[in-house]
Amino acid sequence: MKKLVLDFLTQLEGNNNREWFHANKTQFEAARNEVELMVNSMIPLIAKFDDAVKYVAAKDCMFRIFRDVRFSKDKSPYKINMGAWITRAGRKSCGPGYYIHLQPGGSFLSAGVYMPEPDQLKKIRKEIYYNVTEFKTILEEKRLKKYSNGLAEMDKAKMAPKDFPKDFEEIDLLKHKHYILSYPVRDEMIGSDHFTEMAGIAFKAMYPLNVFLKRALEG
């Protein structure tokens, strides 16, 4: 997979225009098919511990390579990565899931909730507030620490969120706007025969976070 996918993305980064893309569409389709095969082989591994994804298909989880440039200064028409968001509802779900991001020198695996709506974010924060010991136990699990350095810090608020006491001992845990765990993956690992198996193990280690977040959103 490494040769087809990462090499294509490397070339695309240096030739991010419609003319080059259309001239190399066959190469793109081959790379996309490889990613679809990989995701389809990964779904049953995840379903062993999270049966919510049991019947989802890779094609419903994979993101399009075309960028939405309407509100961006960068008018490059294509993403320089390929990704899939594995959930019961596929890529359209904003609930807990498993994300695969393939990009030369920047690939990673993630689990959790990304960009929750304001009402969803409040539910998550409330669940953490009332069950902070349980939440911290999940984040400090030895098996998880092998695949994550903790919650992603991106877009984290500087101030305590309203409706929560500022003197709450673990207020820092409520400042997150995304509740995501990530694990960087080297290019050579993506090309190995063990990548799918390793990803399944990493996602299983992250699974308890998704259980907690699912409970929060359904409560």
C-alpha atoms as a PDB file:
ATOM      1  CA  MET A   1       0.000   0.000   0.000  1.00  0.00           C
ATOM      2  CA  LYS A   2       2.845   2.405   0.785  1.00  0.00           C
ATOM      3  CA  LYS A   3       4.025   2.633  -2.811  1.00  0.00           C
ATOM      4  CA  LEU A   4       0.566   3.221  -4.260  1.00  0.00           C
ATOM      5  CA  VAL A   5      -0.844   5.557  -1.624  1.00  0.00           C
ATOM      6  CA  LEU A   6       2.022   7.512  -0.078  1.00  0.00           C
ATOM      7  CA  ASP A   7       3.881   7.869  -3.368  1.00  0.00           C
ATOM      8  CA  PHE A   8       0.741   9.169  -5.075  1.00  0.00           C
ATOM      9  CA  LEU A   9       0.144  11.675  -2.274  1.00  0.00           C
ATOM     10  CA  THR A  10       3.771  12.814  -2.434  1.00  0.00           C
ATOM     11  CA  GLN A  11       3.411  13.503  -6.137  1.00  0.00           C
ATOM     12  CA  LEU A  12       0.065  15.216  -5.628  1.00  0.00           C
ATOM     13  CA  GLU A  13       1.557  17.603  -3.061  1.00  0.00           C
ATOM     14  CA  GLY A  14       3.991  18.847  -5.697  1.00  0.00           C
ATOM     15  CA  ASN A  15       1.406  18.912  -8.485  1.00  0.00           C
ATOM     16  CA  ASN A  16      -1.793  20.062  -6.816  1.00  0.00           C
ATOM     17  CA  ASN A  17      -3.692  21.096  -9.911  1.00  0.00           C
ATOM     18  CA  ARG A  18      -6.531  19.678 -11.990  1.00  0.00           C
ATOM     19  CA  GLU A  19      -4.429  19.084 -15.084  1.00  0.00           C
ATOM     20  CA  TRP A  20      -1.951  16.815 -13.294  1.00  0.00           C
ATOM     21  CA  PHE A  21      -4.692  15.061 -11.345  1.00  0.00           C
ATOM     22  CA  HIS A  22      -6.725  14.201 -14.440  1.00  0.00           C
ATOM     23  CA  ALA A  23      -3.576  12.985 -16.222  1.00  0.00           C
ATOM     24  CA  ASN A  24      -2.880  10.684 -13.267  1.00  0.00           C
ATOM     25  CA  LYS A  25      -6.446   9.681 -12.427  1.00  0.00           C
ATOM     26  CA  THR A  26      -5.680   5.984 -12.904  1.00  0.00           C
ATOM     27  CA  GLN A  27      -2.957   6.224 -10.277  1.00  0.00           C
ATOM     28  CA  PHE A  28      -5.368   7.990  -7.920  1.00  0.00           C
ATOM     29  CA  GLU A  29      -8.028   5.317  -8.387  1.00  0.00           C
ATOM     30  CA  ALA A  30      -5.503   2.578  -7.671  1.00  0.00           C
ATOM     31  CA  ALA A  31      -4.421   4.345  -4.475  1.00  0.00           C
ATOM     32  CA  ARG A  32      -8.035   4.915  -3.396  1.00  0.00           C
ATOM     33  CA  ASN A  33      -8.847   1.236  -4.011  1.00  0.00           C
ATOM     34  CA  GLU A  34      -5.921   0.223  -1.812  1.00  0.00           C
ATOM     35  CA  VAL A  35      -7.190   2.444   0.989  1.00  0.00           C
ATOM     36  CA  GLU A  36     -10.696   1.003   0.610  1.00  0.00           C
ATOM     37  CA  LEU A  37      -9.328  -2.546   0.870  1.00  0.00           C
ATOM     38  CA  MET A  38      -7.355  -1.589   3.955  1.00  0.00           C
ATOM     39  CA  VAL A  39     -10.359   0.039   5.656  1.00  0.00           C
ATOM     40  CA  ASN A  40     -12.595  -2.921   4.787  1.00  0.00           C
ATOM     41  CA  SER A  41     -10.066  -5.258   6.402  1.00  0.00           C
ATOM     42  CA  MET A  42      -9.812  -3.023   9.480  1.00  0.00           C
ATOM     43  CA  ILE A  43     -13.555  -2.761  10.165  1.00  0.00           C
ATOM     44  CA  PRO A  44     -13.937  -6.433  11.277  1.00  0.00           C
ATOM     45  CA  LEU A  45     -10.989  -5.998  13.658  1.00  0.00           C
ATOM     46  CA  ILE A  46     -12.674  -3.002  15.288  1.00  0.00           C
ATOM     47  CA  ALA A  47     -16.033  -4.797  15.327  1.00  0.00           C
ATOM     48  CA  LYS A  48     -14.522  -7.484  17.564  1.00  0.00           C
ATOM     49  CA  PHE A  49     -14.600  -5.006  20.450  1.00  0.00           C
ATOM     50  CA  ASP A  50     -17.047  -2.377  19.106  1.00  0.00           C
ATOM     51  CA  ASP A  51     -19.943  -3.977  17.255  1.00  0.00           C
ATOM     52  CA  ALA A  52     -21.388  -0.547  16.407  1.00  0.00           C
ATOM     53  CA  VAL A  53     -19.252  -0.574  13.235  1.00  0.00           C
ATOM     54  CA  LYS A  54     -20.070  -4.165  12.327  1.00  0.00           C
ATOM     55  CA  TYR A  55     -22.049  -3.415   9.167  1.00  0.00           C
ATOM     56  CA  VAL A  56     -20.420  -0.211   7.932  1.00  0.00           C
ATOM     57  CA  ALA A  57     -18.671  -0.272   4.537  1.00  0.00           C
ATOM     58  CA  ALA A  58     -15.348   1.396   3.791  1.00  0.00           C
ATOM     59  CA  LYS A  59     -16.823   3.468   0.964  1.00  0.00           C
ATOM     60  CA  ASP A  60     -19.153   5.134   3.476  1.00  0.00           C
ATOM     61  CA  CYS A  61     -16.247   5.986   5.790  1.00  0.00           C
ATOM     62  CA  MET A  62     -13.726   7.386   3.307  1.00  0.00           C
ATOM     63  CA  PHE A  63     -13.403  11.108   2.697  1.00  0.00           C
ATOM     64  CA  ARG A  64     -13.328  12.641  -0.747  1.00  0.00           C
ATOM     65  CA  ILE A  65      -9.984  13.956  -1.917  1.00  0.00           C
ATOM     66  CA  PHE A  66     -11.511  17.178  -3.228  1.00  0.00           C
ATOM     67  CA  ARG A  67     -11.100  20.248  -1.015  1.00  0.00           C
ATOM     68  CA  ASP A  68     -13.841  22.769  -0.261  1.00  0.00           C
ATOM     69  CA  VAL A  69     -12.060  25.992  -1.229  1.00  0.00           C
ATOM     70  CA  ARG A  70     -15.027  28.363  -1.007  1.00  0.00           C
ATOM     71  CA  PHE A  71     -13.876  30.009   2.226  1.00  0.00           C
ATOM     72  CA  SER A  72     -10.163  29.259   2.037  1.00  0.00           C
ATOM     73  CA  LYS A  73      -7.279  31.413   0.844  1.00  0.00           C
ATOM     74  CA  ASP A  74      -5.593  28.205  -0.271  1.00  0.00           C
ATOM     75  CA  LYS A  75      -7.274  27.301  -3.554  1.00  0.00           C
ATOM     76  CA  SER A  76      -5.429  23.995  -4.020  1.00  0.00           C
ATOM     77  CA  PRO A  77      -8.176  21.699  -5.338  1.00  0.00           C
ATOM     78  CA  TYR A  78      -7.074  18.460  -3.650  1.00  0.00           C
ATOM     79  CA  LYS A  79      -6.235  17.235  -0.172  1.00  0.00           C
ATOM     80  CA  ILE A  80      -2.739  15.823   0.196  1.00  0.00           C
ATOM     81  CA  ASN A  81      -3.980  13.041   2.453  1.00  0.00           C
ATOM     82  CA  MET A  82      -6.479  10.209   2.438  1.00  0.00           C
ATOM     83  CA  GLY A  83      -8.617   9.370   5.419  1.00  0.00           C
ATOM     84  CA  ALA A  84     -11.521   7.353   6.757  1.00  0.00           C
ATOM     85  CA  TRP A  85     -13.819   7.937   9.750  1.00  0.00           C
ATOM     86  CA  ILE A  86     -15.094   4.548  10.903  1.00  0.00           C
ATOM     87  CA  THR A  87     -18.406   4.805  12.773  1.00  0.00           C
ATOM     88  CA  ARG A  88     -21.860   3.238  12.548  1.00  0.00           C
ATOM     89  CA  ALA A  89     -22.935   6.078  10.220  1.00  0.00           C
ATOM     90  CA  GLY A  90     -19.629   6.378   8.394  1.00  0.00           C
ATOM     91  CA  ARG A  91     -17.908   9.688   7.719  1.00  0.00           C
ATOM     92  CA  LYS A  92     -21.093  11.743   8.291  1.00  0.00           C
ATOM     93  CA  SER A  93     -21.238  10.857  11.981  1.00  0.00           C
ATOM     94  CA  CYS A  94     -20.078  13.356  14.600  1.00  0.00           C
ATOM     95  CA  GLY A  95     -20.235  10.764  17.380  1.00  0.00           C
ATOM     96  CA  PRO A  96     -17.330   8.656  18.704  1.00  0.00           C
ATOM     97  CA  GLY A  97     -15.367   6.839  16.029  1.00  0.00           C
ATOM     98  CA  TYR A  98     -12.004   5.707  14.675  1.00  0.00           C
ATOM     99  CA  TYR A  99     -10.016   7.789  12.193  1.00  0.00           C
ATOM    100  CA  ILE A 100      -7.248   6.748   9.821  1.00  0.00           C
ATOM    101  CA  HIS A 101      -5.178   9.560   8.304  1.00  0.00           C
ATOM    102  CA  LEU A 102      -2.665   8.715   5.577  1.00  0.00           C
ATOM    103  CA  GLN A 103      -0.164  11.395   4.602  1.00  0.00           C
ATOM    104  CA  PRO A 104       3.555  11.146   3.818  1.00  0.00           C
ATOM    105  CA  GLY A 105       5.402  12.018   7.009  1.00  0.00           C
ATOM    106  CA  GLY A 106       2.165  12.820   8.823  1.00  0.00           C
ATOM    107  CA  SER A 107       0.015   9.699   9.131  1.00  0.00           C
ATOM    108  CA  PHE A 108      -1.830   8.932  12.355  1.00  0.00           C
ATOM    109  CA  LEU A 109      -4.657   6.984  13.979  1.00  0.00           C
ATOM    110  CA  SER A 110      -7.265   8.658  16.176  1.00  0.00           C
ATOM    111  CA  ALA A 111     -10.342   7.841  18.211  1.00  0.00           C
ATOM    112  CA  GLY A 112     -12.877   9.958  20.044  1.00  0.00           C
ATOM    113  CA  VAL A 113     -15.126  12.869  19.096  1.00  0.00           C
ATOM    114  CA  TYR A 114     -13.944  15.631  16.766  1.00  0.00           C
ATOM    115  CA  MET A 115     -15.695  19.009  16.492  1.00  0.00           C
ATOM    116  CA  PRO A 116     -18.798  18.153  18.555  1.00  0.00           C
ATOM    117  CA  GLU A 117     -21.756  20.519  18.310  1.00  0.00           C
ATOM    118  CA  PRO A 118     -22.110  22.930  21.294  1.00  0.00           C
ATOM    119  CA  ASP A 119     -24.835  20.841  22.932  1.00  0.00           C
ATOM    120  CA  GLN A 120     -22.764  17.676  22.457  1.00  0.00           C
ATOM    121  CA  LEU A 121     -19.659  19.341  23.882  1.00  0.00           C
ATOM    122  CA  LYS A 122     -21.622  20.388  26.953  1.00  0.00           C
ATOM    123  CA  LYS A 123     -22.874  16.811  27.452  1.00  0.00           C
ATOM    124  CA  ILE A 124     -19.311  15.491  27.267  1.00  0.00           C
ATOM    125  CA  ARG A 125     -18.044  18.074  29.730  1.00  0.00           C
ATOM    126  CA  LYS A 126     -20.886  17.297  32.152  1.00  0.00           C
ATOM    127  CA  GLU A 127     -20.115  13.584  31.982  1.00  0.00           C
ATOM    128  CA  ILE A 128     -16.465  14.294  32.751  1.00  0.00           C
ATOM    129  CA  TYR A 129     -17.379  16.687  35.549  1.00  0.00           C
ATOM    130  CA  TYR A 130     -19.562  14.139  37.318  1.00  0.00           C
ATOM    131  CA  ASN A 131     -17.319  11.151  36.569  1.00  0.00           C
ATOM    132  CA  VAL A 132     -13.850  12.681  36.538  1.00  0.00           C
ATOM    133  CA  THR A 133     -12.157   9.817  38.394  1.00  0.00           C
ATOM    134  CA  GLU A 134     -13.451   7.311  35.846  1.00  0.00           C
ATOM    135  CA  PHE A 135     -12.385   9.572  32.968  1.00  0.00           C
ATOM    136  CA  LYS A 136      -8.871  10.037  34.349  1.00  0.00           C
ATOM    137  CA  THR A 137      -8.563   6.273  34.855  1.00  0.00           C
ATOM    138  CA  ILE A 138      -9.334   5.767  31.159  1.00  0.00           C
ATOM    139  CA  LEU A 139      -6.686   8.285  30.098  1.00  0.00           C
ATOM    140  CA  GLU A 140      -4.086   6.828  32.464  1.00  0.00           C
ATOM    141  CA  GLU A 141      -4.552   3.213  31.435  1.00  0.00           C
ATOM    142  CA  LYS A 142      -1.137   1.670  30.807  1.00  0.00           C
ATOM    143  CA  ARG A 143      -2.193  -0.020  27.553  1.00  0.00           C
ATOM    144  CA  LEU A 144      -3.523   3.271  26.188  1.00  0.00           C
ATOM    145  CA  LYS A 145      -0.353   5.199  26.984  1.00  0.00           C
ATOM    146  CA  LYS A 146       1.516   3.011  24.531  1.00  0.00           C
ATOM    147  CA  TYR A 147      -0.597   4.515  21.745  1.00  0.00           C
ATOM    148  CA  SER A 148      -1.385   8.030  22.970  1.00  0.00           C
ATOM    149  CA  ASN A 149       0.086  10.940  24.880  1.00  0.00           C
ATOM    150  CA  GLY A 150      -3.333  12.061  26.062  1.00  0.00           C
ATOM    151  CA  LEU A 151      -6.117  14.230  24.721  1.00  0.00           C
ATOM    152  CA  ALA A 152      -5.284  16.397  21.700  1.00  0.00           C
ATOM    153  CA  GLU A 153      -4.605  19.999  22.704  1.00  0.00           C
ATOM    154  CA  MET A 154      -5.769  21.679  19.467  1.00  0.00           C
ATOM    155  CA  ASP A 155      -8.229  24.582  19.848  1.00  0.00           C
ATOM    156  CA  LYS A 156      -8.191  24.158  23.611  1.00  0.00           C
ATOM    157  CA  ALA A 157      -9.930  26.969  25.500  1.00  0.00           C
ATOM    158  CA  LYS A 158      -7.860  29.233  27.746  1.00  0.00           C
ATOM    159  CA  MET A 159     -10.701  29.982  30.137  1.00  0.00           C
ATOM    160  CA  ALA A 160     -12.941  27.630  32.092  1.00  0.00           C
ATOM    161  CA  PRO A 161     -16.164  26.869  30.168  1.00  0.00           C
ATOM    162  CA  LYS A 162     -19.268  28.580  31.478  1.00  0.00           C
ATOM    163  CA  ASP A 163     -21.722  26.591  33.599  1.00  0.00           C
ATOM    164  CA  PHE A 164     -18.825  24.858  35.366  1.00  0.00           C
ATOM    165  CA  PRO A 165     -17.091  26.027  38.558  1.00  0.00           C
ATOM    166  CA  LYS A 166     -13.740  27.656  37.861  1.00  0.00           C
ATOM    167  CA  ASP A 167     -12.267  26.092  40.970  1.00  0.00           C
ATOM    168  CA  PHE A 168     -13.023  22.537  39.804  1.00  0.00           C
ATOM    169  CA  GLU A 169      -9.808  20.620  40.463  1.00  0.00           C
ATOM    170  CA  GLU A 170      -9.719  19.059  36.991  1.00  0.00           C
ATOM    171  CA  ILE A 171     -11.000  22.106  35.101  1.00  0.00           C
ATOM    172  CA  ASP A 172      -8.263  21.606  32.506  1.00  0.00           C
ATOM    173  CA  LEU A 173     -10.056  18.477  31.260  1.00  0.00           C
ATOM    174  CA  LEU A 174     -13.148  20.575  30.493  1.00  0.00           C
ATOM    175  CA  LYS A 175     -11.293  23.094  28.317  1.00  0.00           C
ATOM    176  CA  HIS A 176     -10.950  20.739  25.367  1.00  0.00           C
ATOM    177  CA  LYS A 177     -13.106  21.345  22.293  1.00  0.00           C
ATOM    178  CA  HIS A 178     -12.276  17.967  20.758  1.00  0.00           C
ATOM    179  CA  TYR A 179     -12.007  14.771  22.789  1.00  0.00           C
ATOM    180  CA  ILE A 180      -9.528  12.939  20.611  1.00  0.00           C
ATOM    181  CA  LEU A 181      -6.644  10.543  21.192  1.00  0.00           C
ATOM    182  CA  SER A 182      -4.025  10.210  18.451  1.00  0.00           C
ATOM    183  CA  TYR A 183      -1.141   7.912  17.593  1.00  0.00           C
ATOM    184  CA  PRO A 184       1.422   8.955  14.922  1.00  0.00           C
ATOM    185  CA  VAL A 185       2.369   6.268  12.413  1.00  0.00           C
ATOM    186  CA  ARG A 186       5.651   6.172  10.504  1.00  0.00           C
ATOM    187  CA  ASP A 187       5.589   5.749   6.732  1.00  0.00           C
ATOM    188  CA  GLU A 188       7.400   2.422   6.935  1.00  0.00           C
ATOM    189  CA  MET A 189       4.751   1.032   9.287  1.00  0.00           C
ATOM    190  CA  ILE A 190       1.985   1.865   6.819  1.00  0.00           C
ATOM    191  CA  GLY A 191       3.806  -0.156   4.192  1.00  0.00           C
ATOM    192  CA  SER A 192       4.289  -3.167   6.446  1.00  0.00           C
ATOM    193  CA  ASP A 193       2.207  -6.338   6.554  1.00  0.00           C
ATOM    194  CA  HIS A 194       1.400  -5.624  10.210  1.00  0.00           C
ATOM    195  CA  PHE A 195      -0.176  -2.188   9.823  1.00  0.00           C
ATOM    196  CA  THR A 196      -3.807  -3.329   9.889  1.00  0.00           C
ATOM    197  CA  GLU A 197      -3.204  -5.562  12.917  1.00  0.00           C
ATOM    198  CA  MET A 198      -1.334  -2.761  14.740  1.00  0.00           C
ATOM    199  CA  ALA A 199      -4.114  -0.278  13.987  1.00  0.00           C
ATOM    200  CA  GLY A 200      -6.682  -2.676  15.402  1.00  0.00           C
ATOM    201  CA  ILE A 201      -4.654  -3.009  18.617  1.00  0.00           C
ATOM    202  CA  ALA A 202      -4.257   0.766  18.899  1.00  0.00           C
ATOM    203  CA  PHE A 203      -7.971   1.373  18.367  1.00  0.00           C
ATOM    204  CA  LYS A 204      -8.822  -1.269  20.979  1.00  0.00           C
ATOM    205  CA  ALA A 205      -6.646   0.594  23.473  1.00  0.00           C
ATOM    206  CA  MET A 206      -8.554   3.803  22.652  1.00  0.00           C
ATOM    207  CA  TYR A 207     -11.966   2.126  22.761  1.00  0.00           C
ATOM    208  CA  PRO A 208     -12.747   2.883  26.455  1.00  0.00           C
ATOM    209  CA  LEU A 209     -12.709   6.604  25.629  1.00  0.00           C
ATOM    210  CA  ASN A 210     -15.337   6.023  22.939  1.00  0.00           C
ATOM    211  CA  VAL A 211     -17.483   4.068  25.406  1.00  0.00           C
ATOM    212  CA  PHE A 212     -17.359   7.000  27.838  1.00  0.00           C
ATOM    213  CA  LEU A 213     -18.126   9.564  25.118  1.00  0.00           C
ATOM    214  CA  LYS A 214     -20.979   7.487  23.687  1.00  0.00           C
ATOM    215  CA  ARG A 215     -22.572   7.314  27.130  1.00  0.00           C
ATOM    216  CA  ALA A 216     -22.180  11.071  27.519  1.00  0.00           C
ATOM    217  CA  LEU A 217     -23.857  11.858  24.206  1.00  0.00           C
ATOM    218  CA  GLU A 218     -26.703   9.393  24.707  1.00  0.00           C
ATOM    219  CA  GLY A 219     -27.424  10.538  28.255  1.00  0.00           C
END
